[in-house]
All heavy atoms as atom14 arrays in JSON, in Angstrom:
{
  "sequence": "HQISLHLGKPFETTNTGKVGDHMVPMPHLGLVLGYDEWRKVADRLE",
  "atom14_mask": [
    [1, 1, 1, 1, 1, 1, 1, 1, 1, 1, 0, 0, 0, 0],
    [1, 1, 1, 1, 1, 1, 1, 1, 1, 0, 0, 0, 0, 0],
    [1, 1, 1, 1, 1, 1, 1, 1, 0, 0, 0, 0, 0, 0],
    [1, 1, 1, 1, 1, 1, 0, 0, 0, 0, 0, 0, 0, 0],
    [1, 1, 1, 1, 1, 1, 1, 1, 0, 0, 0, 0, 0, 0],
    [1, 1, 1, 1, 1, 1, 1, 1, 1, 1, 0, 0, 0, 0],
    [1, 1, 1, 1, 1, 1, 1, 1, 0, 0, 0, 0, 0, 0],
    [1, 1, 1, 1, 0, 0, 0, 0, 0, 0, 0, 0, 0, 0],
    [1, 1, 1, 1, 1, 1, 1, 1, 1, 0, 0, 0, 0, 0],
    [1, 1, 1, 1, 1, 1, 1, 0, 0, 0, 0, 0, 0, 0],
    [1, 1, 1, 1, 1, 1, 1, 1, 1, 1, 1, 0, 0, 0],
    [1, 1, 1, 1, 1, 1, 1, 1, 1, 0, 0, 0, 0, 0],
    [1, 1, 1, 1, 1, 1, 1, 0, 0, 0, 0, 0, 0, 0],
    [1, 1, 1, 1, 1, 1, 1, 0, 0, 0, 0, 0, 0, 0],
    [1, 1, 1, 1, 1, 1, 1, 1, 0, 0, 0, 0, 0, 0],
    [1, 1, 1, 1, 1, 1, 1, 0, 0, 0, 0, 0, 0, 0],
    [1, 1, 1, 1, 0, 0, 0, 0, 0, 0, 0, 0, 0, 0],
    [1, 1, 1, 1, 1, 1, 1, 1, 1, 0, 0, 0, 0, 0],
    [1, 1, 1, 1, 1, 1, 1, 0, 0, 0, 0, 0, 0, 0],
    [1, 1, 1, 1, 0, 0, 0, 0, 0, 0, 0, 0, 0, 0],
    [1, 1, 1, 1, 1, 1, 1, 1, 0, 0, 0, 0, 0, 0],
    [1, 1, 1, 1, 1, 1, 1, 1, 1, 1, 0, 0, 0, 0],
    [1, 1, 1, 1, 1, 1, 1, 1, 0, 0, 0, 0, 0, 0],
    [1, 1, 1, 1, 1, 1, 1, 0, 0, 0, 0, 0, 0, 0],
    [1, 1, 1, 1, 1, 1, 1, 0, 0, 0, 0, 0, 0, 0],
    [1, 1, 1, 1, 1, 1, 1, 1, 0, 0, 0, 0, 0, 0],
    [1, 1, 1, 1, 1, 1, 1, 0, 0, 0, 0, 0, 0, 0],
    [1, 1, 1, 1, 1, 1, 1, 1, 1, 1, 0, 0, 0, 0],
    [1, 1, 1, 1, 1, 1, 1, 1, 0, 0, 0, 0, 0, 0],
    [1, 1, 1, 1, 0, 0, 0, 0, 0, 0, 0, 0, 0, 0],
    [1, 1, 1, 1, 1, 1, 1, 1, 0, 0, 0, 0, 0, 0],
    [1, 1, 1, 1, 1, 1, 1, 0, 0, 0, 0, 0, 0, 0],
    [1, 1, 1, 1, 1, 1, 1, 1, 0, 0, 0, 0, 0, 0],
    [1, 1, 1, 1, 0, 0, 0, 0, 0, 0, 0, 0, 0, 0],
    [1, 1, 1, 1, 1, 1, 1, 1, 1, 1, 1, 1, 0, 0],
    [1, 1, 1, 1, 1, 1, 1, 1, 0, 0, 0, 0, 0, 0],
    [1, 1, 1, 1, 1, 1, 1, 1, 1, 0, 0, 0, 0, 0],
    [1, 1, 1, 1, 1, 1, 1, 1, 1, 1, 1, 1, 1, 1],
    [1, 1, 1, 1, 1, 1, 1, 1, 1, 1, 1, 0, 0, 0],
    [1, 1, 1, 1, 1, 1, 1, 1, 1, 0, 0, 0, 0, 0],
    [1, 1, 1, 1, 1, 1, 1, 0, 0, 0, 0, 0, 0, 0],
    [1, 1, 1, 1, 1, 0, 0, 0, 0, 0, 0, 0, 0, 0],
    [1, 1, 1, 1, 1, 1, 1, 1, 0, 0, 0, 0, 0, 0],
    [1, 1, 1, 1, 1, 1, 1, 1, 1, 1, 1, 0, 0, 0],
    [1, 1, 1, 1, 1, 1, 1, 1, 0, 0, 0, 0, 0, 0],
    [1, 1, 1, 1, 1, 1, 1, 1, 1, 0, 0, 0, 0, 0]
  ],
  "atom14_positions": [
    [[95.51, 90.55, 97.81], [94.18, 90.2, 97.3], [94.32, 89.68, 95.88], [95.27, 90.02, 95.18], [93.25, 91.42, 97.34], [93.15, 92.01, 98.71], [92.38, 91.45, 99.7], [93.76, 93.09, 99.26], [92.5, 92.16, 100.81], [93.33, 93.15, 100.56], [0.0, 0.0, 0.0], [0.0, 0.0, 0.0], [0.0, 0.0, 0.0], [0.0, 0.0, 0.0]],
    [[93.38, 88.87, 95.45], [93.49, 88.26, 94.13], [92.64, 89.04, 93.12], [91.42, 89.16, 93.28], [93.02, 86.81, 94.15], [93.21, 86.12, 92.82], [92.51, 84.78, 92.77], [91.36, 84.65, 93.18], [93.22, 83.77, 92.28], [0.0, 0.0, 0.0], [0.0, 0.0, 0.0], [0.0, 0.0, 0.0], [0.0, 0.0, 0.0], [0.0, 0.0, 0.0]],
    [[93.31, 89.55, 92.09], [92.59, 90.14, 90.97], [92.85, 89.28, 89.74], [93.95, 88.76, 89.55], [92.95, 91.62, 90.7], [94.43, 91.8, 90.42], [92.48, 92.5, 91.84], [94.8, 93.2, 89.95], [0.0, 0.0, 0.0], [0.0, 0.0, 0.0], [0.0, 0.0, 0.0], [0.0, 0.0, 0.0], [0.0, 0.0, 0.0], [0.0, 0.0, 0.0]],
    [[91.81, 89.08, 88.95], [91.9, 88.34, 87.71], [91.53, 89.28, 86.58], [90.42, 89.81, 86.55], [90.95, 87.14, 87.71], [91.31, 86.23, 88.72], [0.0, 0.0, 0.0], [0.0, 0.0, 0.0], [0.0, 0.0, 0.0], [0.0, 0.0, 0.0], [0.0, 0.0, 0.0], [0.0, 0.0, 0.0], [0.0, 0.0, 0.0], [0.0, 0.0, 0.0]],
    [[92.48, 89.51, 85.69], [92.28, 90.43, 84.59], [92.04, 89.63, 83.32], [92.9, 88.87, 82.89], [93.52, 91.33, 84.44], [93.93, 92.05, 85.72], [95.21, 92.84, 85.5], [92.82, 92.93, 86.25], [0.0, 0.0, 0.0], [0.0, 0.0, 0.0], [0.0, 0.0, 0.0], [0.0, 0.0, 0.0], [0.0, 0.0, 0.0], [0.0, 0.0, 0.0]],
    [[90.85, 89.77, 82.75], [90.43, 89.01, 81.58], [90.34, 89.92, 80.38], [89.89, 91.08, 80.5], [89.05, 88.38, 81.83], [89.06, 87.31, 82.87], [88.98, 85.98, 82.55], [89.17, 87.38, 84.22], [89.02, 85.25, 83.67], [89.12, 86.09, 84.68], [0.0, 0.0, 0.0], [0.0, 0.0, 0.0], [0.0, 0.0, 0.0], [0.0, 0.0, 0.0]],
    [[90.74, 89.41, 79.22], [90.59, 90.19, 77.99], [89.11, 90.45, 77.72], [88.29, 89.54, 77.8], [91.19, 89.44, 76.8], [92.7, 89.53, 76.65], [93.16, 88.65, 75.48], [93.15, 90.97, 76.45], [0.0, 0.0, 0.0], [0.0, 0.0, 0.0], [0.0, 0.0, 0.0], [0.0, 0.0, 0.0], [0.0, 0.0, 0.0], [0.0, 0.0, 0.0]],
    [[88.79, 91.68, 77.43], [87.41, 92.05, 77.14], [87.24, 93.55, 77.21], [88.21, 94.3, 77.34], [0.0, 0.0, 0.0], [0.0, 0.0, 0.0], [0.0, 0.0, 0.0], [0.0, 0.0, 0.0], [0.0, 0.0, 0.0], [0.0, 0.0, 0.0], [0.0, 0.0, 0.0], [0.0, 0.0, 0.0], [0.0, 0.0, 0.0], [0.0, 0.0, 0.0]],
    [[86.0, 93.98, 77.15], [85.69, 95.41, 77.2], [85.6, 95.85, 78.66], [84.75, 95.34, 79.41], [84.37, 95.69, 76.49], [84.0, 97.14, 76.47], [82.68, 97.37, 75.77], [82.33, 98.86, 75.85], [80.96, 99.12, 75.45], [0.0, 0.0, 0.0], [0.0, 0.0, 0.0], [0.0, 0.0, 0.0], [0.0, 0.0, 0.0], [0.0, 0.0, 0.0]],
    [[86.45, 96.8, 79.1], [86.38, 97.29, 80.48], [85.0, 97.87, 80.8], [84.29, 98.35, 79.91], [87.46, 98.36, 80.53], [88.45, 97.93, 79.48], [87.57, 97.38, 78.37], [0.0, 0.0, 0.0], [0.0, 0.0, 0.0], [0.0, 0.0, 0.0], [0.0, 0.0, 0.0], [0.0, 0.0, 0.0], [0.0, 0.0, 0.0], [0.0, 0.0, 0.0]],
    [[84.64, 97.84, 82.07], [83.33, 98.34, 82.49], [83.23, 99.86, 82.3], [84.22, 100.57, 82.37], [83.01, 97.95, 83.94], [84.01, 98.36, 84.99], [83.94, 99.61, 85.58], [85.01, 97.49, 85.4], [84.84, 99.99, 86.57], [85.92, 97.85, 86.39], [85.83, 99.12, 86.98], [0.0, 0.0, 0.0], [0.0, 0.0, 0.0], [0.0, 0.0, 0.0]],
    [[82.03, 100.3, 82.05], [81.77, 101.73, 81.84], [81.77, 102.45, 83.18], [81.3, 101.93, 84.19], [80.4, 101.9, 81.17], [80.08, 103.33, 80.82], [78.75, 103.45, 80.11], [78.33, 102.49, 79.43], [78.13, 104.52, 80.23], [0.0, 0.0, 0.0], [0.0, 0.0, 0.0], [0.0, 0.0, 0.0], [0.0, 0.0, 0.0], [0.0, 0.0, 0.0]],
    [[82.33, 103.65, 83.2], [82.34, 104.46, 84.4], [81.85, 105.87, 84.08], [81.88, 106.3, 82.93], [83.75, 104.56, 85.02], [84.62, 105.24, 84.11], [84.31, 103.19, 85.35], [0.0, 0.0, 0.0], [0.0, 0.0, 0.0], [0.0, 0.0, 0.0], [0.0, 0.0, 0.0], [0.0, 0.0, 0.0], [0.0, 0.0, 0.0], [0.0, 0.0, 0.0]],
    [[81.41, 106.56, 85.12], [81.05, 107.97, 85.01], [81.63, 108.7, 86.21], [81.78, 108.12, 87.28], [79.52, 108.17, 84.98], [78.95, 107.59, 86.17], [78.88, 107.52, 83.76], [0.0, 0.0, 0.0], [0.0, 0.0, 0.0], [0.0, 0.0, 0.0], [0.0, 0.0, 0.0], [0.0, 0.0, 0.0], [0.0, 0.0, 0.0], [0.0, 0.0, 0.0]],
    [[81.96, 109.95, 86.03], [82.53, 110.75, 87.13], [81.41, 111.31, 87.99], [81.09, 112.5, 87.95], [83.41, 111.87, 86.57], [84.69, 111.34, 85.96], [85.08, 110.21, 86.22], [85.33, 112.13, 85.15], [0.0, 0.0, 0.0], [0.0, 0.0, 0.0], [0.0, 0.0, 0.0], [0.0, 0.0, 0.0], [0.0, 0.0, 0.0], [0.0, 0.0, 0.0]],
    [[80.84, 110.43, 88.81], [79.7, 110.81, 89.64], [79.96, 110.65, 91.13], [79.08, 110.9, 91.94], [78.46, 109.98, 89.26], [78.78, 108.59, 89.39], [78.01, 110.26, 87.83], [0.0, 0.0, 0.0], [0.0, 0.0, 0.0], [0.0, 0.0, 0.0], [0.0, 0.0, 0.0], [0.0, 0.0, 0.0], [0.0, 0.0, 0.0], [0.0, 0.0, 0.0]],
    [[81.17, 110.22, 91.51], [81.5, 110.06, 92.93], [82.14, 111.34, 93.45], [83.18, 111.76, 92.96], [0.0, 0.0, 0.0], [0.0, 0.0, 0.0], [0.0, 0.0, 0.0], [0.0, 0.0, 0.0], [0.0, 0.0, 0.0], [0.0, 0.0, 0.0], [0.0, 0.0, 0.0], [0.0, 0.0, 0.0], [0.0, 0.0, 0.0], [0.0, 0.0, 0.0]],
    [[81.51, 111.97, 94.45], [82.05, 113.22, 94.99], [83.04, 112.91, 96.1], [82.69, 112.3, 97.11], [80.92, 114.1, 95.5], [81.39, 115.49, 95.88], [80.23, 116.45, 95.95], [80.62, 117.83, 96.42], [81.61, 118.51, 95.63], [0.0, 0.0, 0.0], [0.0, 0.0, 0.0], [0.0, 0.0, 0.0], [0.0, 0.0, 0.0], [0.0, 0.0, 0.0]],
    [[84.29, 113.33, 95.9], [85.35, 113.19, 96.9], [85.88, 114.59, 97.14], [86.61, 115.13, 96.31], [86.48, 112.25, 96.41], [87.62, 112.22, 97.41], [85.94, 110.85, 96.17], [0.0, 0.0, 0.0], [0.0, 0.0, 0.0], [0.0, 0.0, 0.0], [0.0, 0.0, 0.0], [0.0, 0.0, 0.0], [0.0, 0.0, 0.0], [0.0, 0.0, 0.0]],
    [[85.49, 115.19, 98.25], [85.86, 116.58, 98.5], [85.26, 117.46, 97.41], [84.05, 117.43, 97.17], [0.0, 0.0, 0.0], [0.0, 0.0, 0.0], [0.0, 0.0, 0.0], [0.0, 0.0, 0.0], [0.0, 0.0, 0.0], [0.0, 0.0, 0.0], [0.0, 0.0, 0.0], [0.0, 0.0, 0.0], [0.0, 0.0, 0.0], [0.0, 0.0, 0.0]],
    [[86.12, 118.18, 96.72], [85.69, 119.04, 95.62], [85.82, 118.36, 94.26], [85.66, 119.0, 93.24], [86.51, 120.34, 95.61], [86.28, 121.17, 96.85], [85.15, 121.13, 97.39], [87.21, 121.87, 97.29], [0.0, 0.0, 0.0], [0.0, 0.0, 0.0], [0.0, 0.0, 0.0], [0.0, 0.0, 0.0], [0.0, 0.0, 0.0], [0.0, 0.0, 0.0]],
    [[86.13, 117.08, 94.25], [86.41, 116.35, 93.0], [85.3, 115.34, 92.7], [84.74, 114.74, 93.6], [87.75, 115.62, 93.09], [88.89, 116.52, 93.4], [89.55, 117.24, 92.44], [89.48, 116.83, 94.57], [90.5, 117.96, 93.0], [90.49, 117.73, 94.3], [0.0, 0.0, 0.0], [0.0, 0.0, 0.0], [0.0, 0.0, 0.0], [0.0, 0.0, 0.0]],
    [[85.06, 115.15, 91.42], [84.16, 114.1, 90.97], [85.03, 112.97, 90.42], [85.85, 113.21, 89.52], [83.21, 114.62, 89.89], [82.3, 115.74, 90.39], [81.29, 115.33, 91.83], [80.08, 114.25, 91.09], [0.0, 0.0, 0.0], [0.0, 0.0, 0.0], [0.0, 0.0, 0.0], [0.0, 0.0, 0.0], [0.0, 0.0, 0.0], [0.0, 0.0, 0.0]],
    [[84.88, 111.79, 90.97], [85.74, 110.66, 90.61], [84.93, 109.56, 89.93], [83.71, 109.51, 90.06], [86.49, 110.12, 91.84], [87.39, 111.19, 92.45], [85.52, 109.58, 92.88], [0.0, 0.0, 0.0], [0.0, 0.0, 0.0], [0.0, 0.0, 0.0], [0.0, 0.0, 0.0], [0.0, 0.0, 0.0], [0.0, 0.0, 0.0], [0.0, 0.0, 0.0]],
    [[85.62, 108.66, 89.22], [84.93, 107.6, 88.48], [84.2, 106.62, 89.38], [84.72, 106.18, 90.4], [86.05, 106.89, 87.73], [87.24, 107.76, 87.82], [87.07, 108.61, 89.02], [0.0, 0.0, 0.0], [0.0, 0.0, 0.0], [0.0, 0.0, 0.0], [0.0, 0.0, 0.0], [0.0, 0.0, 0.0], [0.0, 0.0, 0.0], [0.0, 0.0, 0.0]],
    [[82.99, 106.3, 88.96], [82.18, 105.28, 89.63], [81.73, 104.29, 88.57], [81.34, 104.72, 87.49], [80.96, 105.92, 90.29], [81.31, 106.86, 91.43], [82.11, 106.06, 92.81], [80.8, 105.02, 93.43], [0.0, 0.0, 0.0], [0.0, 0.0, 0.0], [0.0, 0.0, 0.0], [0.0, 0.0, 0.0], [0.0, 0.0, 0.0], [0.0, 0.0, 0.0]],
    [[81.74, 103.01, 88.84], [82.37, 102.42, 90.01], [83.89, 102.42, 89.89], [84.43, 102.67, 88.8], [81.83, 100.98, 89.99], [81.57, 100.69, 88.55], [81.16, 102.0, 87.94], [0.0, 0.0, 0.0], [0.0, 0.0, 0.0], [0.0, 0.0, 0.0], [0.0, 0.0, 0.0], [0.0, 0.0, 0.0], [0.0, 0.0, 0.0], [0.0, 0.0, 0.0]],
    [[84.56, 102.15, 90.99], [86.01, 102.0, 90.96], [86.42, 100.95, 91.99], [85.67, 100.64, 92.9], [86.72, 103.33, 91.23], [86.42, 103.94, 92.57], [85.42, 104.89, 92.73], [86.95, 103.76, 93.8], [85.38, 105.26, 94.0], [86.29, 104.58, 94.68], [0.0, 0.0, 0.0], [0.0, 0.0, 0.0], [0.0, 0.0, 0.0], [0.0, 0.0, 0.0]],
    [[87.61, 100.41, 91.79], [88.19, 99.44, 92.7], [89.05, 100.19, 93.69], [89.81, 101.09, 93.3], [89.04, 98.43, 91.92], [89.93, 97.48, 92.71], [89.07, 96.54, 93.54], [90.83, 96.7, 91.78], [0.0, 0.0, 0.0], [0.0, 0.0, 0.0], [0.0, 0.0, 0.0], [0.0, 0.0, 0.0], [0.0, 0.0, 0.0], [0.0, 0.0, 0.0]],
    [[88.93, 99.88, 94.96], [89.72, 100.57, 95.97], [90.52, 99.63, 96.83], [90.25, 98.43, 96.91], [0.0, 0.0, 0.0], [0.0, 0.0, 0.0], [0.0, 0.0, 0.0], [0.0, 0.0, 0.0], [0.0, 0.0, 0.0], [0.0, 0.0, 0.0], [0.0, 0.0, 0.0], [0.0, 0.0, 0.0], [0.0, 0.0, 0.0], [0.0, 0.0, 0.0]],
    [[91.53, 100.19, 97.48], [92.42, 99.44, 98.33], [92.86, 100.34, 99.47], [93.05, 101.55, 99.27], [93.65, 98.99, 97.53], [94.71, 98.18, 98.24], [94.18, 96.8, 98.61], [95.94, 98.04, 97.36], [0.0, 0.0, 0.0], [0.0, 0.0, 0.0], [0.0, 0.0, 0.0], [0.0, 0.0, 0.0], [0.0, 0.0, 0.0], [0.0, 0.0, 0.0]],
    [[93.02, 99.78, 100.66], [93.5, 100.52, 101.82], [94.85, 99.94, 102.22], [94.99, 98.74, 102.4], [92.51, 100.42, 103.0], [93.07, 101.1, 104.24], [91.16, 101.02, 102.61], [0.0, 0.0, 0.0], [0.0, 0.0, 0.0], [0.0, 0.0, 0.0], [0.0, 0.0, 0.0], [0.0, 0.0, 0.0], [0.0, 0.0, 0.0], [0.0, 0.0, 0.0]],
    [[95.84, 100.83, 102.35], [97.19, 100.44, 102.78], [97.61, 101.27, 103.97], [97.07, 102.37, 104.19], [98.2, 100.68, 101.65], [98.02, 99.92, 100.35], [99.02, 100.43, 99.31], [98.19, 98.42, 100.58], [0.0, 0.0, 0.0], [0.0, 0.0, 0.0], [0.0, 0.0, 0.0], [0.0, 0.0, 0.0], [0.0, 0.0, 0.0], [0.0, 0.0, 0.0]],
    [[98.61, 100.78, 104.7], [99.26, 101.62, 105.68], [99.98, 102.75, 104.94], [100.36, 102.6, 103.77], [0.0, 0.0, 0.0], [0.0, 0.0, 0.0], [0.0, 0.0, 0.0], [0.0, 0.0, 0.0], [0.0, 0.0, 0.0], [0.0, 0.0, 0.0], [0.0, 0.0, 0.0], [0.0, 0.0, 0.0], [0.0, 0.0, 0.0], [0.0, 0.0, 0.0]],
    [[100.18, 103.88, 105.62], [100.73, 105.05, 104.94], [102.08, 104.79, 104.28], [102.3, 105.22, 103.15], [100.86, 106.24, 105.9], [101.51, 107.41, 105.22], [100.77, 108.23, 104.37], [102.87, 107.68, 105.39], [101.36, 109.28, 103.7], [103.46, 108.73, 104.72], [102.72, 109.53, 103.89], [103.31, 110.58, 103.21], [0.0, 0.0, 0.0], [0.0, 0.0, 0.0]],
    [[102.99, 104.1, 104.94], [104.33, 103.9, 104.37], [104.26, 103.14, 103.05], [104.94, 103.5, 102.08], [105.26, 103.17, 105.36], [105.6, 104.03, 106.57], [105.45, 105.27, 106.5], [106.01, 103.45, 107.6], [0.0, 0.0, 0.0], [0.0, 0.0, 0.0], [0.0, 0.0, 0.0], [0.0, 0.0, 0.0], [0.0, 0.0, 0.0], [0.0, 0.0, 0.0]],
    [[103.46, 102.08, 102.98], [103.3, 101.33, 101.74], [102.59, 102.19, 100.69], [102.94, 102.18, 99.52], [102.52, 100.03, 101.98], [102.38, 99.16, 100.75], [103.69, 98.56, 100.25], [104.68, 98.51, 101.0], [103.72, 98.13, 99.08], [0.0, 0.0, 0.0], [0.0, 0.0, 0.0], [0.0, 0.0, 0.0], [0.0, 0.0, 0.0], [0.0, 0.0, 0.0]],
    [[101.58, 102.95, 101.12], [100.86, 103.86, 100.23], [101.84, 104.84, 99.58], [101.79, 105.07, 98.38], [99.77, 104.61, 101.0], [99.0, 105.58, 100.17], [97.86, 105.32, 99.47], [99.31, 106.95, 99.93], [97.44, 106.46, 98.81], [98.32, 107.47, 99.08], [100.34, 107.8, 100.35], [98.31, 108.8, 98.64], [100.34, 109.13, 99.92], [99.33, 109.61, 99.07]],
    [[102.73, 105.41, 100.38], [103.7, 106.39, 99.87], [104.62, 105.75, 98.83], [104.94, 106.36, 97.81], [104.52, 106.96, 101.03], [105.5, 108.04, 100.67], [104.79, 109.35, 100.35], [104.73, 109.54, 98.91], [104.0, 110.47, 98.3], [103.24, 111.27, 98.99], [104.01, 110.58, 97.01], [0.0, 0.0, 0.0], [0.0, 0.0, 0.0], [0.0, 0.0, 0.0]],
    [[105.05, 104.5, 99.06], [105.9, 103.81, 98.08], [105.16, 103.63, 96.76], [105.74, 103.82, 95.69], [106.33, 102.44, 98.64], [107.32, 102.51, 99.77], [107.61, 101.12, 100.3], [108.41, 101.18, 101.58], [108.58, 99.86, 102.19], [0.0, 0.0, 0.0], [0.0, 0.0, 0.0], [0.0, 0.0, 0.0], [0.0, 0.0, 0.0], [0.0, 0.0, 0.0]],
    [[103.89, 103.24, 96.83], [103.1, 103.05, 95.61], [102.91, 104.39, 94.9], [103.08, 104.49, 93.68], [101.74, 102.39, 95.92], [100.85, 102.35, 94.69], [101.95, 100.98, 96.48], [0.0, 0.0, 0.0], [0.0, 0.0, 0.0], [0.0, 0.0, 0.0], [0.0, 0.0, 0.0], [0.0, 0.0, 0.0], [0.0, 0.0, 0.0], [0.0, 0.0, 0.0]],
    [[102.6, 105.44, 95.66], [102.44, 106.78, 95.07], [103.73, 107.21, 94.37], [103.69, 107.75, 93.26], [102.04, 107.79, 96.14], [0.0, 0.0, 0.0], [0.0, 0.0, 0.0], [0.0, 0.0, 0.0], [0.0, 0.0, 0.0], [0.0, 0.0, 0.0], [0.0, 0.0, 0.0], [0.0, 0.0, 0.0], [0.0, 0.0, 0.0], [0.0, 0.0, 0.0]],
    [[104.86, 106.96, 95.0], [106.15, 107.34, 94.4], [106.4, 106.56, 93.1], [106.89, 107.12, 92.12], [107.3, 107.1, 95.38], [107.28, 108.08, 96.56], [106.57, 109.11, 96.49], [107.98, 107.78, 97.56], [0.0, 0.0, 0.0], [0.0, 0.0, 0.0], [0.0, 0.0, 0.0], [0.0, 0.0, 0.0], [0.0, 0.0, 0.0], [0.0, 0.0, 0.0]],
    [[106.08, 105.25, 93.09], [106.26, 104.45, 91.87], [105.36, 104.98, 90.75], [105.79, 105.09, 89.6], [105.97, 102.97, 92.13], [107.07, 102.25, 92.86], [106.98, 100.73, 92.73], [105.74, 100.16, 93.16], [105.49, 99.66, 94.38], [106.41, 99.71, 95.31], [104.32, 99.14, 94.66], [0.0, 0.0, 0.0], [0.0, 0.0, 0.0], [0.0, 0.0, 0.0]],
    [[104.11, 105.29, 91.08], [103.18, 105.81, 90.08], [103.63, 107.17, 89.56], [103.58, 107.44, 88.36], [101.77, 105.89, 90.65], [101.07, 104.55, 90.86], [99.86, 104.7, 91.77], [100.66, 103.95, 89.52], [0.0, 0.0, 0.0], [0.0, 0.0, 0.0], [0.0, 0.0, 0.0], [0.0, 0.0, 0.0], [0.0, 0.0, 0.0], [0.0, 0.0, 0.0]],
    [[104.1, 108.04, 90.46], [104.59, 109.34, 90.03], [105.81, 109.18, 89.13], [105.93, 109.84, 88.1], [104.92, 110.21, 91.25], [103.68, 110.71, 91.95], [103.96, 111.45, 93.26], [105.02, 111.23, 93.9], [103.08, 112.24, 93.65], [0.0, 0.0, 0.0], [0.0, 0.0, 0.0], [0.0, 0.0, 0.0], [0.0, 0.0, 0.0], [0.0, 0.0, 0.0]]
  ]
}
């Protein structure tokens, strides 16, 4: 997918999205991957 990152002030977020027992930032950008690719990304981030 194409993302364009422009210099400027990032959008404001609030932790108002309920995911299970967690409150997560809204709005947020999301992506769906197959599990194997997801695991590789999680490992790189960790």
